[in-house]
C-alpha atoms as a PDB file:
ATOM      1  CA  UNK A   1     -19.802  37.789 -97.289  1.00  0.00           C
ATOM      2  CA  UNK A   2     -17.687  38.696 -99.667  1.00  0.00           C
ATOM      3  CA  UNK A   3     -13.502  39.045 -99.528  1.00  0.00           C
ATOM      4  CA  UNK A   4     -12.494  41.414 -97.546  1.00  0.00           C
ATOM      5  CA  UNK A   5      -9.927  43.846 -99.349  1.00  0.00           C
ATOM      6  CA  UNK A   6      -7.026  46.188 -97.505  1.00  0.00           C
ATOM      7  CA  UNK A   7      -6.076  49.626 -97.450  1.00  0.00           C
ATOM      8  CA  UNK A   8      -2.714  50.268 -97.729  1.00  0.00           C
ATOM      9  CA  UNK A   9      -1.749  53.284 -96.883  1.00  0.00           C
ATOM     10  CA  UNK A  10       1.201  56.118 -97.791  1.00  0.00           C
ATOM     11  CA  UNK A  11       3.136  58.899 -95.161  1.00  0.00           C
ATOM     12  CA  UNK A  12       5.599  59.785 -93.182  1.00  0.00           C
ATOM     13  CA  UNK A  13       3.993  57.656 -90.373  1.00  0.00           C
ATOM     14  CA  UNK A  14       1.474  55.413 -90.884  1.00  0.00           C
ATOM     15  CA  UNK A  15      -0.025  53.408 -87.808  1.00  0.00           C
ATOM     16  CA  UNK A  16      -0.950  49.349 -87.818  1.00  0.00           C
ATOM     17  CA  UNK A  17      -3.164  46.614 -85.632  1.00  0.00           C
ATOM     18  CA  UNK A  18      -0.211  45.968 -83.096  1.00  0.00           C
ATOM     19  CA  UNK A  19      -1.011  42.026 -83.988  1.00  0.00           C
ATOM     20  CA  UNK A  20      -1.324  41.932 -87.463  1.00  0.00           C
ATOM     21  CA  UNK A  21       0.387  45.125 -88.915  1.00  0.00           C
ATOM     22  CA  UNK A  22      -2.880  45.604 -90.957  1.00  0.00           C
ATOM     23  CA  UNK A  23      -2.444  49.917 -91.561  1.00  0.00           C
ATOM     24  CA  UNK A  24      -4.996  51.829 -90.197  1.00  0.00           C
ATOM     25  CA  UNK A  25      -4.109  55.667 -89.453  1.00  0.00           C
ATOM     26  CA  UNK A  26      -1.385  57.908 -90.794  1.00  0.00           C
ATOM     27  CA  UNK A  27      -0.454  60.564 -88.640  1.00  0.00           C
ATOM     28  CA  UNK A  28      -1.757  63.578 -91.096  1.00  0.00           C
ATOM     29  CA  UNK A  29      -5.239  62.269 -89.712  1.00  0.00           C
ATOM     30  CA  UNK A  30      -4.606  62.235 -86.359  1.00  0.00           C
ATOM     31  CA  UNK A  31      -6.917  65.252 -84.389  1.00  0.00           C
ATOM     32  CA  UNK A  32      -5.468  65.119 -80.545  1.00  0.00           C
ATOM     33  CA  UNK A  33      -3.732  62.633 -79.134  1.00  0.00           C
ATOM     34  CA  UNK A  34      -4.296  64.035 -75.593  1.00  0.00           C
ATOM     35  CA  UNK A  35      -6.881  60.705 -75.493  1.00  0.00           C
ATOM     36  CA  UNK A  36      -7.360  57.811 -72.171  1.00  0.00           C
ATOM     37  CA  UNK A  37      -8.380  54.380 -73.828  1.00  0.00           C
ATOM     38  CA  UNK A  38      -9.235  51.518 -71.624  1.00  0.00           C
ATOM     39  CA  UNK A  39      -5.767  50.403 -72.230  1.00  0.00           C
ATOM     40  CA  UNK A  40      -4.114  53.837 -71.342  1.00  0.00           C
ATOM     41  CA  UNK A  41      -2.907  56.584 -73.633  1.00  0.00           C
ATOM     42  CA  UNK A  42      -5.409  56.727 -76.730  1.00  0.00           C
ATOM     43  CA  UNK A  43      -5.504  58.930 -80.028  1.00  0.00           C
ATOM     44  CA  UNK A  44      -8.506  60.825 -81.887  1.00  0.00           C
ATOM     45  CA  UNK A  45      -7.727  60.569 -85.445  1.00  0.00           C
ATOM     46  CA  UNK A  46     -10.488  61.996 -88.627  1.00  0.00           C
ATOM     47  CA  UNK A  47      -9.625  59.118 -90.768  1.00  0.00           C
ATOM     48  CA  UNK A  48      -9.087  54.983 -90.318  1.00  0.00           C
ATOM     49  CA  UNK A  49      -9.054  52.153 -92.964  1.00  0.00           C
ATOM     50  CA  UNK A  50      -9.503  48.046 -92.478  1.00  0.00           C
ATOM     51  CA  UNK A  51     -11.435  48.121 -89.388  1.00  0.00           C
ATOM     52  CA  UNK A  52     -14.705  46.354 -88.778  1.00  0.00           C
ATOM     53  CA  UNK A  53     -17.864  48.700 -86.779  1.00  0.00           C
ATOM     54  CA  UNK A  54     -19.670  47.307 -84.076  1.00  0.00           C
ATOM     55  CA  UNK A  55     -23.058  47.677 -83.039  1.00  0.00           C
ATOM     56  CA  UNK A  56     -24.486  51.700 -81.373  1.00  0.00           C
ATOM     57  CA  UNK A  57     -24.027  51.597 -78.083  1.00  0.00           C
ATOM     58  CA  UNK A  58     -24.812  54.772 -75.084  1.00  0.00           C
ATOM     59  CA  UNK A  59     -21.309  54.663 -72.535  1.00  0.00           C
ATOM     60  CA  UNK A  60     -20.684  57.147 -69.976  1.00  0.00           C
ATOM     61  CA  UNK A  61     -17.509  58.545 -70.454  1.00  0.00           C
ATOM     62  CA  UNK A  62     -15.892  61.078 -69.007  1.00  0.00           C
ATOM     63  CA  UNK A  63     -16.499  63.872 -70.682  1.00  0.00           C
ATOM     64  CA  UNK A  64     -20.036  63.012 -70.579  1.00  0.00           C
ATOM     65  CA  UNK A  65     -22.561  60.120 -72.100  1.00  0.00           C
ATOM     66  CA  UNK A  66     -21.361  59.147 -75.539  1.00  0.00           C
ATOM     67  CA  UNK A  67     -23.252  56.651 -78.237  1.00  0.00           C
ATOM     68  CA  UNK A  68     -20.276  54.361 -79.500  1.00  0.00           C
ATOM     69  CA  UNK A  69     -19.223  51.717 -81.854  1.00  0.00           C
ATOM     70  CA  UNK A  70     -15.886  49.440 -80.698  1.00  0.00           C
ATOM     71  CA  UNK A  71     -14.259  49.401 -83.744  1.00  0.00           C
ATOM     72  CA  UNK A  72     -11.908  45.579 -84.730  1.00  0.00           C
ATOM     73  CA  UNK A  73      -8.930  45.138 -87.232  1.00  0.00           C
ATOM     74  CA  UNK A  74     -10.569  43.665 -90.809  1.00  0.00           C
ATOM     75  CA  UNK A  75      -7.841  41.213 -91.008  1.00  0.00           C
ATOM     76  CA  UNK A  76      -7.553  39.836 -87.410  1.00  0.00           C
ATOM     77  CA  UNK A  77     -10.166  40.891 -85.377  1.00  0.00           C
ATOM     78  CA  UNK A  78      -8.632  43.031 -81.922  1.00  0.00           C
ATOM     79  CA  UNK A  79     -10.286  45.595 -81.013  1.00  0.00           C
ATOM     80  CA  UNK A  80      -8.033  48.779 -81.715  1.00  0.00           C
ATOM     81  CA  UNK A  81     -10.798  51.467 -79.708  1.00  0.00           C
ATOM     82  CA  UNK A  82     -14.055  52.919 -80.881  1.00  0.00           C
ATOM     83  CA  UNK A  83     -15.818  55.610 -82.862  1.00  0.00           C
ATOM     84  CA  UNK A  84     -17.773  58.217 -82.044  1.00  0.00           C
ATOM     85  CA  UNK A  85     -21.349  58.121 -82.941  1.00  0.00           C
ATOM     86  CA  UNK A  86     -23.263  61.483 -81.048  1.00  0.00           C
ATOM     87  CA  UNK A  87     -22.362  63.269 -78.767  1.00  0.00           C
ATOM     88  CA  UNK A  88     -25.130  64.503 -75.879  1.00  0.00           C
ATOM     89  CA  UNK A  89     -22.434  67.598 -74.650  1.00  0.00           C
ATOM     90  CA  UNK A  90     -22.767  70.262 -77.071  1.00  0.00           C
ATOM     91  CA  UNK A  91     -18.837  70.659 -76.717  1.00  0.00           C
ATOM     92  CA  UNK A  92     -18.144  67.503 -77.832  1.00  0.00           C
ATOM     93  CA  UNK A  93     -19.833  67.161 -80.795  1.00  0.00           C
ATOM     94  CA  UNK A  94     -16.419  67.935 -82.301  1.00  0.00           C
ATOM     95  CA  UNK A  95     -16.323  64.247 -82.000  1.00  0.00           C
ATOM     96  CA  UNK A  96     -18.623  62.774 -83.993  1.00  0.00           C
ATOM     97  CA  UNK A  97     -17.978  60.460 -86.987  1.00  0.00           C
ATOM     98  CA  UNK A  98     -14.038  60.674 -85.343  1.00  0.00           C
ATOM     99  CA  UNK A  99     -11.817  57.301 -84.564  1.00  0.00           C
ATOM    100  CA  UNK A 100     -10.505  56.883 -80.688  1.00  0.00           C
ATOM    101  CA  UNK A 101      -7.332  54.265 -81.470  1.00  0.00           C
ATOM    102  CA  UNK A 102      -6.410  52.591 -78.057  1.00  0.00           C
ATOM    103  CA  UNK A 103      -1.731  53.589 -77.781  1.00  0.00           C
ATOM    104  CA  UNK A 104      -1.130  50.241 -76.717  1.00  0.00           C
ATOM    105  CA  UNK A 105      -2.541  48.683 -79.411  1.00  0.00           C
ATOM    106  CA  UNK A 106      -1.089  50.468 -82.532  1.00  0.00           C
ATOM    107  CA  UNK A 107       2.138  49.850 -84.390  1.00  0.00           C
ATOM    108  CA  UNK A 108       4.379  52.140 -86.219  1.00  0.00           C
ATOM    109  CA  UNK A 109       4.075  50.507 -90.092  1.00  0.00           C
ATOM    110  CA  UNK A 110       6.547  52.978 -91.152  1.00  0.00           C
END
């Protein structure tokens, strides 16, 4: 495995990993704050950087079954949330390709 490079984000609000402060997303890529994760409140993002995706798995959620991948910080390996690969309910298709980051696992970097 080669060396991994981290992207640094700029903007009025940047969210980072709570353990190592690696940049993950900006307020401008946030779609919704109305989600719940395993640790409480969670945010839906269109674009997330500096993460590694796990293997896809089917998971039953409150909004139906989804195929998701856990996402981990590229620097410290902390589990941060998940990425939606597939939604089986027609009303949930908008989530496909989007990311959930759990609020309790984030810090404001800027």
